[in-house]
Amino acid sequence: MLDGTYAERIPGERDLARACRVHVLAANKAVAALVDRVRRGQVTAAFCITDHVAIEALRALRQAGLRVPGDVSLVGLDGVPRTEDFELTTVEQPMEAVGAKAVELLLDEIEGRRSAPAQVRLAPRLVVRGSMAGPPRR
């Protein structure tokens, strides 16, 4: 957490810290709602906005006595290495390719080879692990 003096020294840092707290609170609220809806049988699968949120959801679901993937399938987004420790299925973003393309586009702009914004599509990859199962039988 940022202390007051640090946040004061960097323009906009206090606003950034406040925004991060808001996002964490929203994620915690969403995880609590997910646990509740799984308990009531309203949800059988969830796609989380990041792997970090998915890991927290996995922990909360397990603490509530729910089984992943038995009661709910769970998928995260990003492909952070930590997902392997939790057997979490993830949609892996090609971050190395994103960085390389960003540098290429920036150099093109600096050197005058490009002036218009570019739209680039890079394919993500589904990494299936132990947090997914087929739909429950009814």
Protein backbone atom coordinates (compact mmCIF):
# COMPACT_ATOMS: atom_id res chain seq x y z
CA MET A 1 0.00 0.00 0.00
CA LEU A 2 1.20 3.50 -0.74
CA ASP A 3 1.86 5.84 2.14
CA GLY A 4 0.75 9.46 1.97
CA THR A 5 4.17 10.94 1.33
CA TYR A 6 4.93 8.58 -1.55
CA ALA A 7 1.54 9.19 -3.14
CA GLU A 8 2.01 12.95 -2.86
CA ARG A 9 5.36 12.90 -4.67
CA ILE A 10 4.08 11.33 -7.89
CA PRO A 11 1.40 13.24 -9.81
CA GLY A 12 -1.75 11.16 -10.14
CA GLU A 13 -0.47 8.40 -7.84
CA ARG A 14 -3.13 9.02 -5.19
CA ASP A 15 -5.85 8.71 -7.84
CA LEU A 16 -4.26 5.51 -9.15
CA ALA A 17 -4.11 4.02 -5.65
CA ARG A 18 -7.76 4.97 -5.08
CA ALA A 19 -8.77 3.40 -8.42
CA CYS A 20 -6.91 0.19 -7.55
CA ARG A 21 -8.74 -0.04 -4.22
CA VAL A 22 -12.06 0.40 -6.03
CA HIS A 23 -11.20 -2.42 -8.45
CA VAL A 24 -10.15 -4.74 -5.62
CA LEU A 25 -13.38 -4.02 -3.74
CA ALA A 26 -15.41 -4.66 -6.89
CA ALA A 27 -13.57 -7.95 -7.49
CA ASN A 28 -14.16 -9.04 -3.89
CA LYS A 29 -17.85 -8.22 -4.23
CA ALA A 30 -18.06 -10.19 -7.50
CA VAL A 31 -16.33 -13.20 -5.93
CA ALA A 32 -18.77 -13.14 -2.98
CA ALA A 33 -21.70 -12.97 -5.41
CA LEU A 34 -20.25 -15.89 -7.39
CA VAL A 35 -19.99 -18.05 -4.26
CA ASP A 36 -23.58 -17.22 -3.36
CA ARG A 37 -24.91 -18.00 -6.84
CA VAL A 38 -23.00 -21.30 -7.05
CA ARG A 39 -24.42 -22.30 -3.65
CA ARG A 40 -27.94 -21.61 -4.95
CA GLY A 41 -27.29 -23.63 -8.12
CA GLN A 42 -27.63 -20.60 -10.39
CA VAL A 43 -24.11 -20.76 -11.87
CA THR A 44 -22.14 -23.73 -13.19
CA ALA A 45 -19.25 -21.84 -14.82
CA ALA A 46 -17.48 -18.50 -14.45
CA PHE A 47 -15.00 -16.58 -16.59
CA CYS A 48 -12.99 -14.15 -14.46
CA ILE A 49 -11.60 -10.86 -15.75
CA THR A 50 -8.04 -11.80 -14.68
CA ASP A 51 -6.19 -14.85 -13.42
CA HIS A 52 -5.67 -13.10 -10.10
CA VAL A 53 -9.43 -12.69 -9.63
CA ALA A 54 -9.93 -16.33 -10.69
CA ILE A 55 -7.40 -17.50 -8.07
CA GLU A 56 -9.22 -15.51 -5.37
CA ALA A 57 -12.54 -16.95 -6.59
CA LEU A 58 -11.06 -20.46 -6.43
CA ARG A 59 -9.94 -19.88 -2.85
CA ALA A 60 -13.31 -18.44 -1.81
CA LEU A 61 -15.23 -21.28 -3.46
CA ARG A 62 -13.09 -23.89 -1.74
CA GLN A 63 -13.42 -22.11 1.63
CA ALA A 64 -17.19 -22.24 1.17
CA GLY A 65 -16.95 -26.01 0.69
CA LEU A 66 -17.69 -25.86 -3.02
CA ARG A 67 -15.83 -28.01 -5.52
CA VAL A 68 -14.00 -26.67 -8.54
CA PRO A 69 -14.75 -28.13 -11.07
CA GLY A 70 -17.41 -30.33 -9.41
CA ASP A 71 -19.83 -27.53 -8.51
CA VAL A 72 -18.51 -24.85 -10.85
CA SER A 73 -15.97 -24.58 -13.66
CA LEU A 74 -13.60 -21.62 -13.46
CA VAL A 75 -11.50 -19.89 -16.12
CA GLY A 76 -9.15 -16.91 -15.78
CA LEU A 77 -7.63 -14.51 -18.29
CA ASP A 78 -3.96 -13.65 -18.86
CA GLY A 79 -1.96 -16.85 -18.48
CA VAL A 80 0.14 -15.81 -15.49
CA PRO A 81 2.53 -18.59 -14.43
CA ARG A 82 0.92 -18.78 -10.98
CA THR A 83 -2.18 -20.41 -12.51
CA GLU A 84 -0.24 -23.66 -12.83
CA ASP A 85 0.00 -23.91 -9.02
CA PHE A 86 -3.79 -23.82 -8.77
CA GLU A 87 -4.57 -26.04 -11.79
CA LEU A 88 -6.53 -23.06 -13.12
CA THR A 89 -7.70 -23.05 -16.73
CA THR A 90 -6.75 -19.77 -18.37
CA VAL A 91 -6.95 -17.88 -21.62
CA GLU A 92 -3.30 -17.02 -22.15
CA GLN A 93 -2.53 -13.66 -23.70
CA PRO A 94 0.52 -13.63 -26.01
CA MET A 95 2.28 -10.96 -23.92
CA GLU A 96 5.66 -11.39 -25.54
CA ALA A 97 4.09 -10.90 -28.98
CA VAL A 98 2.11 -7.91 -27.67
CA GLY A 99 5.31 -6.28 -26.41
CA ALA A 100 7.23 -7.00 -29.63
CA LYS A 101 4.40 -5.61 -31.76
CA ALA A 102 4.12 -2.50 -29.58
CA VAL A 103 7.84 -1.80 -29.99
CA GLU A 104 7.61 -2.39 -33.75
CA LEU A 105 4.67 0.02 -34.10
CA LEU A 106 6.36 2.64 -31.92
CA LEU A 107 9.57 2.47 -33.96
CA ASP A 108 7.54 2.71 -37.18
CA GLU A 109 5.87 5.86 -35.86
CA ILE A 110 9.13 7.40 -34.61
CA GLU A 111 10.83 6.73 -37.95
CA GLY A 112 7.87 8.10 -39.93
CA ARG A 113 6.75 4.82 -41.48
CA ARG A 114 3.33 4.99 -39.81
CA SER A 115 1.13 7.86 -38.71
CA ALA A 116 -2.31 6.27 -38.49
CA PRO A 117 -3.34 4.09 -35.55
CA ALA A 118 -2.93 0.38 -36.19
CA GLN A 119 -5.32 -2.37 -35.23
CA VAL A 120 -3.51 -5.59 -34.42
CA ARG A 121 -5.05 -8.92 -33.50
CA LEU A 122 -3.01 -11.53 -31.71
CA ALA A 123 -4.51 -14.92 -30.95
CA PRO A 124 -4.89 -15.97 -27.32
CA ARG A 125 -4.50 -19.62 -26.33
CA LEU A 126 -6.79 -21.65 -24.09
CA VAL A 127 -4.76 -23.58 -21.52
CA VAL A 128 -7.05 -26.24 -20.07
CA ARG A 129 -6.21 -27.44 -16.57
CA GLY A 130 -8.15 -28.93 -13.69
CA SER A 131 -10.68 -26.16 -13.06
CA MET A 132 -13.07 -27.05 -15.89
CA ALA A 133 -15.58 -29.84 -16.36
CA GLY A 134 -18.48 -30.54 -18.65
CA PRO A 135 -21.94 -29.25 -17.76
CA PRO A 136 -23.60 -30.96 -14.81
CA ARG A 137 -26.20 -33.61 -15.60
CA ARG A 138 -29.72 -32.57 -14.75
